C-alpha atoms as a PDB file:
ATOM      1  CA  MET A   1      34.587 -10.233 -34.204  1.00  0.00           C
ATOM      2  CA  SER A   2      37.595  -8.001 -34.247  1.00  0.00           C
ATOM      3  CA  GLU A   3      39.660  -7.369 -31.137  1.00  0.00           C
ATOM      4  CA  SER A   4      38.314  -3.815 -30.769  1.00  0.00           C
ATOM      5  CA  GLN A   5      34.677  -5.021 -30.934  1.00  0.00           C
ATOM      6  CA  LYS A   6      35.342  -7.581 -28.194  1.00  0.00           C
ATOM      7  CA  SER A   7      36.868  -4.975 -25.903  1.00  0.00           C
ATOM      8  CA  GLU A   8      34.004  -2.527 -26.594  1.00  0.00           C
ATOM      9  CA  SER A   9      31.340  -5.124 -25.787  1.00  0.00           C
ATOM     10  CA  ALA A  10      33.194  -6.111 -22.614  1.00  0.00           C
ATOM     11  CA  VAL A  11      33.408  -2.502 -21.459  1.00  0.00           C
ATOM     12  CA  SER A  12      29.764  -1.766 -22.277  1.00  0.00           C
ATOM     13  CA  SER A  13      28.553  -4.521 -19.929  1.00  0.00           C
ATOM     14  CA  PRO A  14      27.511  -2.912 -16.588  1.00  0.00           C
ATOM     15  CA  ALA A  15      28.741  -5.896 -14.552  1.00  0.00           C
ATOM     16  CA  LEU A  16      32.214  -5.624 -16.020  1.00  0.00           C
ATOM     17  CA  LYS A  17      32.388  -1.874 -15.430  1.00  0.00           C
ATOM     18  CA  GLY A  18      31.824  -2.424 -11.722  1.00  0.00           C
ATOM     19  CA  ILE A  19      28.387  -0.796 -11.834  1.00  0.00           C
ATOM     20  CA  LYS A  20      25.796  -2.683  -9.834  1.00  0.00           C
ATOM     21  CA  VAL A  21      22.423  -3.008 -11.497  1.00  0.00           C
ATOM     22  CA  ARG A  22      19.520  -3.046  -9.064  1.00  0.00           C
ATOM     23  CA  ARG A  23      17.140  -5.916  -9.740  1.00  0.00           C
ATOM     24  CA  LYS A  24      13.445  -5.619  -9.050  1.00  0.00           C
ATOM     25  CA  LEU A  25      12.060  -8.955  -7.945  1.00  0.00           C
ATOM     26  CA  SER A  26       8.346  -9.608  -8.180  1.00  0.00           C
ATOM     27  CA  ALA A  27       6.437 -10.752  -5.117  1.00  0.00           C
ATOM     28  CA  GLU A  28       6.051 -14.216  -6.661  1.00  0.00           C
ATOM     29  CA  LYS A  29       9.790 -14.508  -7.314  1.00  0.00           C
ATOM     30  CA  LYS A  30      10.593 -13.443  -3.759  1.00  0.00           C
ATOM     31  CA  PHE A  31       8.160 -16.010  -2.387  1.00  0.00           C
ATOM     32  CA  GLN A  32       9.645 -18.695  -4.634  1.00  0.00           C
ATOM     33  CA  ILE A  33      13.149 -17.875  -3.351  1.00  0.00           C
ATOM     34  CA  TYR A  34      11.813 -17.935   0.224  1.00  0.00           C
ATOM     35  CA  LEU A  35      10.265 -21.385  -0.267  1.00  0.00           C
ATOM     36  CA  GLU A  36      13.434 -22.741  -1.871  1.00  0.00           C
ATOM     37  CA  ALA A  37      15.542 -21.404   0.998  1.00  0.00           C
ATOM     38  CA  GLN A  38      13.195 -22.970   3.562  1.00  0.00           C
ATOM     39  CA  ARG A  39      13.669 -26.435   2.077  1.00  0.00           C
ATOM     40  CA  SER A  40      16.775 -28.159   3.335  1.00  0.00           C
ATOM     41  CA  ASP A  41      17.543 -30.198   0.192  1.00  0.00           C
ATOM     42  CA  GLN A  42      19.655 -27.423  -1.390  1.00  0.00           C
ATOM     43  CA  PRO A  43      22.212 -25.184   0.364  1.00  0.00           C
ATOM     44  CA  THR A  44      21.075 -21.588   0.792  1.00  0.00           C
ATOM     45  CA  GLY A  45      24.368 -20.318  -0.620  1.00  0.00           C
ATOM     46  CA  ASP A  46      23.699 -22.061  -3.933  1.00  0.00           C
ATOM     47  CA  ILE A  47      20.273 -20.434  -4.196  1.00  0.00           C
ATOM     48  CA  LEU A  48      21.693 -17.007  -3.394  1.00  0.00           C
ATOM     49  CA  ARG A  49      24.495 -17.366  -5.950  1.00  0.00           C
ATOM     50  CA  ARG A  50      22.079 -18.558  -8.627  1.00  0.00           C
ATOM     51  CA  GLU A  51      19.750 -15.603  -8.007  1.00  0.00           C
ATOM     52  CA  GLY A  52      22.559 -13.079  -7.538  1.00  0.00           C
ATOM     53  CA  LEU A  53      21.452 -12.183  -4.010  1.00  0.00           C
ATOM     54  CA  TYR A  54      23.160 -11.698  -0.673  1.00  0.00           C
ATOM     55  CA  ALA A  55      22.260 -13.174   2.700  1.00  0.00           C
ATOM     56  CA  ALA A  56      20.882  -9.780   3.759  1.00  0.00           C
ATOM     57  CA  ASP A  57      18.492  -9.878   0.785  1.00  0.00           C
ATOM     58  CA  LEU A  58      17.198 -13.276   1.909  1.00  0.00           C
ATOM     59  CA  THR A  59      16.767 -11.964   5.461  1.00  0.00           C
ATOM     60  CA  ARG A  60      14.766  -9.022   4.109  1.00  0.00           C
ATOM     61  CA  ILE A  61      12.591 -11.388   2.050  1.00  0.00           C
ATOM     62  CA  ARG A  62      11.985 -13.581   5.109  1.00  0.00           C
ATOM     63  CA  ASP A  63      10.955 -10.516   7.125  1.00  0.00           C
ATOM     64  CA  GLN A  64       8.576  -9.398   4.366  1.00  0.00           C
ATOM     65  CA  VAL A  65       6.986 -12.856   4.195  1.00  0.00           C
ATOM     66  CA  ARG A  66       6.565 -12.894   7.977  1.00  0.00           C
ATOM     67  CA  GLU A  67       5.013  -9.394   8.014  1.00  0.00           C
ATOM     68  CA  GLY A  68       2.652 -10.272   5.183  1.00  0.00           C
ATOM     69  CA  ALA A  69       1.578 -13.497   6.853  1.00  0.00           C
ATOM     70  CA  LEU A  70       0.973 -11.782  10.195  1.00  0.00           C
ATOM     71  CA  GLU A  71      -0.997  -8.983   8.534  1.00  0.00           C
ATOM     72  CA  ARG A  72      -3.160 -11.430   6.617  1.00  0.00           C
ATOM     73  CA  LEU A  73      -3.721 -13.736   9.590  1.00  0.00           C
ATOM     74  CA  SER A  74      -4.684 -10.865  11.883  1.00  0.00           C
ATOM     75  CA  ALA A  75      -7.384  -9.631   9.484  1.00  0.00           C
ATOM     76  CA  ARG A  76     -10.946 -10.015  10.735  1.00  0.00           C
ATOM     77  CA  PRO A  77     -13.375 -12.057   8.667  1.00  0.00           C
ATOM     78  CA  GLY A  78     -16.073 -10.252   6.737  1.00  0.00           C
ATOM     79  CA  LYS A  79     -16.118  -7.379   4.335  1.00  0.00           C
ATOM     80  CA  LYS A  80     -12.958  -5.371   3.993  1.00  0.00           C
ATOM     81  CA  PRO A  81     -13.313  -1.644   4.624  1.00  0.00           C
ATOM     82  CA  ARG A  82     -13.409   0.362   1.414  1.00  0.00           C
ATOM     83  CA  MET A  83     -10.840   3.068   0.950  1.00  0.00           C
ATOM     84  CA  VAL A  84     -12.180   6.453  -0.112  1.00  0.00           C
ATOM     85  CA  THR A  85     -10.169   8.903  -2.169  1.00  0.00           C
ATOM     86  CA  LEU A  86      -9.236  12.211  -0.575  1.00  0.00           C
ATOM     87  CA  GLU A  87     -11.288  14.148  -3.127  1.00  0.00           C
ATOM     88  CA  SER A  88     -14.490  12.221  -2.416  1.00  0.00           C
ATOM     89  CA  TYR A  89     -13.860  12.479   1.338  1.00  0.00           C
ATOM     90  CA  GLU A  90     -13.534  16.268   1.071  1.00  0.00           C
ATOM     91  CA  ALA A  91     -16.700  16.448  -1.088  1.00  0.00           C
ATOM     92  CA  LEU A  92     -18.673  14.403   1.442  1.00  0.00           C
ATOM     93  CA  LYS A  93     -17.343  16.553   4.274  1.00  0.00           C
ATOM     94  CA  ARG A  94     -18.459  19.756   2.484  1.00  0.00           C
ATOM     95  CA  GLU A  95     -21.868  18.223   1.788  1.00  0.00           C
ATOM     96  CA  LEU A  96     -22.282  17.319   5.460  1.00  0.00           C
ATOM     97  CA  VAL A  97     -21.385  20.857   6.570  1.00  0.00           C
ATOM     98  CA  ASP A  98     -23.889  22.323   4.083  1.00  0.00           C
ATOM     99  CA  LYS A  99     -26.659  19.999   5.293  1.00  0.00           C
ATOM    100  CA  GLU A 100     -25.927  20.790   8.957  1.00  0.00           C
ATOM    101  CA  ARG A 101     -26.106  24.503   8.171  1.00  0.00           C
ATOM    102  CA  ALA A 102     -29.433  24.060   6.341  1.00  0.00           C
ATOM    103  CA  LEU A 103     -30.808  21.991   9.236  1.00  0.00           C
ATOM    104  CA  ALA A 104     -29.829  24.712  11.714  1.00  0.00           C
ATOM    105  CA  GLU A 105     -31.562  27.333   9.557  1.00  0.00           C
ATOM    106  CA  HIS A 106     -34.737  25.231   9.394  1.00  0.00           C
ATOM    107  CA  ALA A 107     -34.659  24.747  13.158  1.00  0.00           C
ATOM    108  CA  VAL A 108     -34.555  28.527  13.606  1.00  0.00           C
ATOM    109  CA  GLU A 109     -37.456  28.959  11.152  1.00  0.00           C
ATOM    110  CA  LEU A 110     -39.484  26.289  12.943  1.00  0.00           C
ATOM    111  CA  THR A 111     -38.921  28.009  16.273  1.00  0.00           C
ATOM    112  CA  MET A 112     -40.044  31.329  14.799  1.00  0.00           C
ATOM    113  CA  MET A 113     -43.215  29.763  13.326  1.00  0.00           C
ATOM    114  CA  ARG A 114     -44.097  28.121  16.642  1.00  0.00           C
ATOM    115  CA  LYS A 115     -43.793  31.461  18.389  1.00  0.00           C
ATOM    116  CA  LYS A 116     -46.118  33.056  15.835  1.00  0.00           C
ATOM    117  CA  THR A 117     -48.775  30.329  15.972  1.00  0.00           C
ATOM    118  CA  ASN A 118     -48.734  30.045  19.771  1.00  0.00           C
ATOM    119  CA  GLY A 119     -49.040  33.772  20.337  1.00  0.00           C
ATOM    120  CA  GLY A 120     -45.455  34.185  21.370  1.00  0.00           C
ATOM    121  CA  SER A 121     -45.799  31.670  24.178  1.00  0.00           C
ATOM    122  CA  TRP A 122     -43.884  28.431  24.526  1.00  0.00           C
ATOM    123  CA  GLU A 123     -46.883  26.787  26.209  1.00  0.00           C
ATOM    124  CA  ARG A 124     -49.559  25.077  24.135  1.00  0.00           C
END
Protein backbone atom coordinates (compact mmCIF):
# COMPACT_ATOMS: atom_id res chain seq x y z
CA MET A 1 0.00 0.00 0.00
CA SER A 2 1.20 3.46 -0.79
CA GLU A 3 1.49 6.13 1.87
CA SER A 4 -1.56 8.01 0.54
CA GLN A 5 -3.73 4.85 0.65
CA LYS A 6 -2.75 4.23 4.28
CA SER A 7 -3.66 7.76 5.30
CA GLU A 8 -6.98 7.58 3.40
CA SER A 9 -7.96 4.30 5.06
CA ALA A 10 -7.01 5.68 8.47
CA VAL A 11 -9.12 8.80 7.94
CA SER A 12 -12.11 6.85 6.61
CA SER A 13 -12.37 4.82 9.83
CA PRO A 14 -15.12 6.37 12.04
CA ALA A 15 -13.24 5.57 15.26
CA LEU A 16 -10.17 7.45 14.09
CA LYS A 17 -12.20 10.47 12.99
CA GLY A 18 -13.56 10.85 16.51
CA ILE A 19 -17.08 9.90 15.44
CA LYS A 20 -18.77 7.54 17.86
CA VAL A 21 -20.71 4.73 16.26
CA ARG A 22 -23.76 3.67 18.24
CA ARG A 23 -23.91 -0.09 18.71
CA LYS A 24 -27.19 -1.93 18.92
CA LEU A 25 -26.88 -4.87 21.27
CA SER A 26 -29.38 -7.70 21.06
CA ALA A 27 -31.27 -8.77 24.17
CA GLU A 28 -29.25 -12.00 24.27
CA LYS A 29 -25.95 -10.12 24.10
CA LYS A 30 -27.03 -7.77 26.87
CA PHE A 31 -28.03 -10.71 29.05
CA GLN A 32 -24.72 -12.44 28.32
CA ILE A 33 -22.81 -9.30 29.37
CA TYR A 34 -24.99 -9.07 32.50
CA LEU A 35 -24.23 -12.69 33.46
CA GLU A 36 -20.51 -12.22 32.85
CA ALA A 37 -20.48 -9.08 35.00
CA GLN A 38 -22.33 -10.88 37.80
CA ARG A 39 -19.66 -13.56 38.03
CA SER A 40 -16.71 -12.53 40.14
CA ASP A 41 -14.02 -14.51 38.28
CA GLN A 42 -13.31 -11.67 35.80
CA PRO A 43 -13.04 -7.94 36.59
CA THR A 44 -15.97 -5.88 35.31
CA GLY A 45 -13.59 -3.37 33.73
CA ASP A 46 -12.13 -6.06 31.48
CA ILE A 47 -15.59 -7.06 30.27
CA LEU A 48 -16.54 -3.44 29.60
CA ARG A 49 -13.32 -2.77 27.68
CA ARG A 50 -13.73 -5.93 25.62
CA GLU A 51 -17.31 -5.02 24.70
CA GLY A 52 -16.59 -1.32 24.23
CA LEU A 53 -19.07 -0.26 26.91
CA TYR A 54 -19.06 2.15 29.82
CA ALA A 55 -20.08 1.56 33.42
CA ALA A 56 -23.30 3.51 32.78
CA ASP A 57 -24.16 1.06 29.98
CA LEU A 58 -23.75 -1.86 32.37
CA THR A 59 -25.93 -0.09 34.95
CA ARG A 60 -28.62 0.42 32.30
CA ILE A 61 -28.42 -3.27 31.33
CA ARG A 62 -28.73 -4.31 34.98
CA ASP A 63 -31.80 -2.09 35.37
CA GLN A 64 -33.37 -3.58 32.23
CA VAL A 65 -32.74 -7.12 33.47
CA ARG A 66 -34.28 -6.25 36.84
CA GLU A 67 -37.35 -4.64 35.23
CA GLY A 68 -37.83 -7.60 32.90
CA ALA A 69 -37.52 -10.10 35.73
CA LEU A 70 -39.98 -8.20 37.92
CA GLU A 71 -42.46 -7.87 35.06
CA ARG A 72 -42.26 -11.57 34.25
CA LEU A 73 -42.44 -12.68 37.88
CA SER A 74 -45.46 -10.48 38.61
CA ALA A 75 -47.45 -11.97 35.72
CA ARG A 76 -50.45 -14.05 36.74
CA PRO A 77 -50.62 -17.66 35.60
CA GLY A 78 -53.07 -18.59 32.87
CA LYS A 79 -53.84 -17.26 29.46
CA LYS A 80 -52.30 -13.96 28.51
CA PRO A 81 -54.75 -11.27 27.42
CA ARG A 82 -54.84 -10.85 23.66
CA MET A 83 -54.09 -7.44 22.25
CA VAL A 84 -56.58 -6.12 19.71
CA THR A 85 -55.63 -3.73 16.95
CA LEU A 86 -57.15 -0.26 16.99
CA GLU A 87 -58.96 -0.89 13.71
CA SER A 88 -60.69 -4.04 14.95
CA TYR A 89 -61.55 -2.32 18.24
CA GLU A 90 -63.20 0.56 16.37
CA ALA A 91 -65.08 -1.91 14.12
CA LEU A 92 -66.38 -3.84 17.13
CA LYS A 93 -67.38 -0.59 18.83
CA ARG A 94 -69.36 0.51 15.74
CA GLU A 95 -71.01 -2.91 15.53
CA LEU A 96 -72.05 -2.70 19.18
CA VAL A 97 -73.57 0.77 18.69
CA ASP A 98 -75.50 -0.46 15.63
CA LYS A 99 -76.85 -3.48 17.53
CA GLU A 100 -77.87 -1.34 20.52
CA ARG A 101 -79.72 1.02 18.17
CA ALA A 102 -81.51 -1.90 16.48
CA LEU A 103 -82.43 -3.37 19.88
CA ALA A 104 -83.90 -0.03 20.98
CA GLU A 105 -85.94 0.16 17.77
CA HIS A 106 -87.28 -3.37 18.30
CA ALA A 107 -88.18 -2.53 21.89
CA VAL A 108 -90.24 0.43 20.64
CA GLU A 109 -91.95 -1.79 18.04
CA LEU A 110 -92.72 -4.43 20.66
CA THR A 111 -94.26 -1.82 22.93
CA MET A 112 -96.41 -0.53 20.07
CA MET A 113 -97.60 -4.07 19.20
CA ARG A 114 -98.51 -4.79 22.82
CA LYS A 115 -100.59 -1.64 22.95
CA LYS A 116 -102.43 -2.68 19.79
CA THR A 117 -103.13 -6.26 20.90
CA ASN A 118 -104.18 -5.28 24.44
CA GLY A 119 -106.56 -2.58 23.29
CA GLY A 120 -104.30 0.23 24.30
CA SER A 121 -104.15 -0.95 27.89
CA TRP A 122 -101.05 -2.03 29.77
CA GLU A 123 -103.09 -4.56 31.77
CA ARG A 124 -103.62 -8.08 30.46
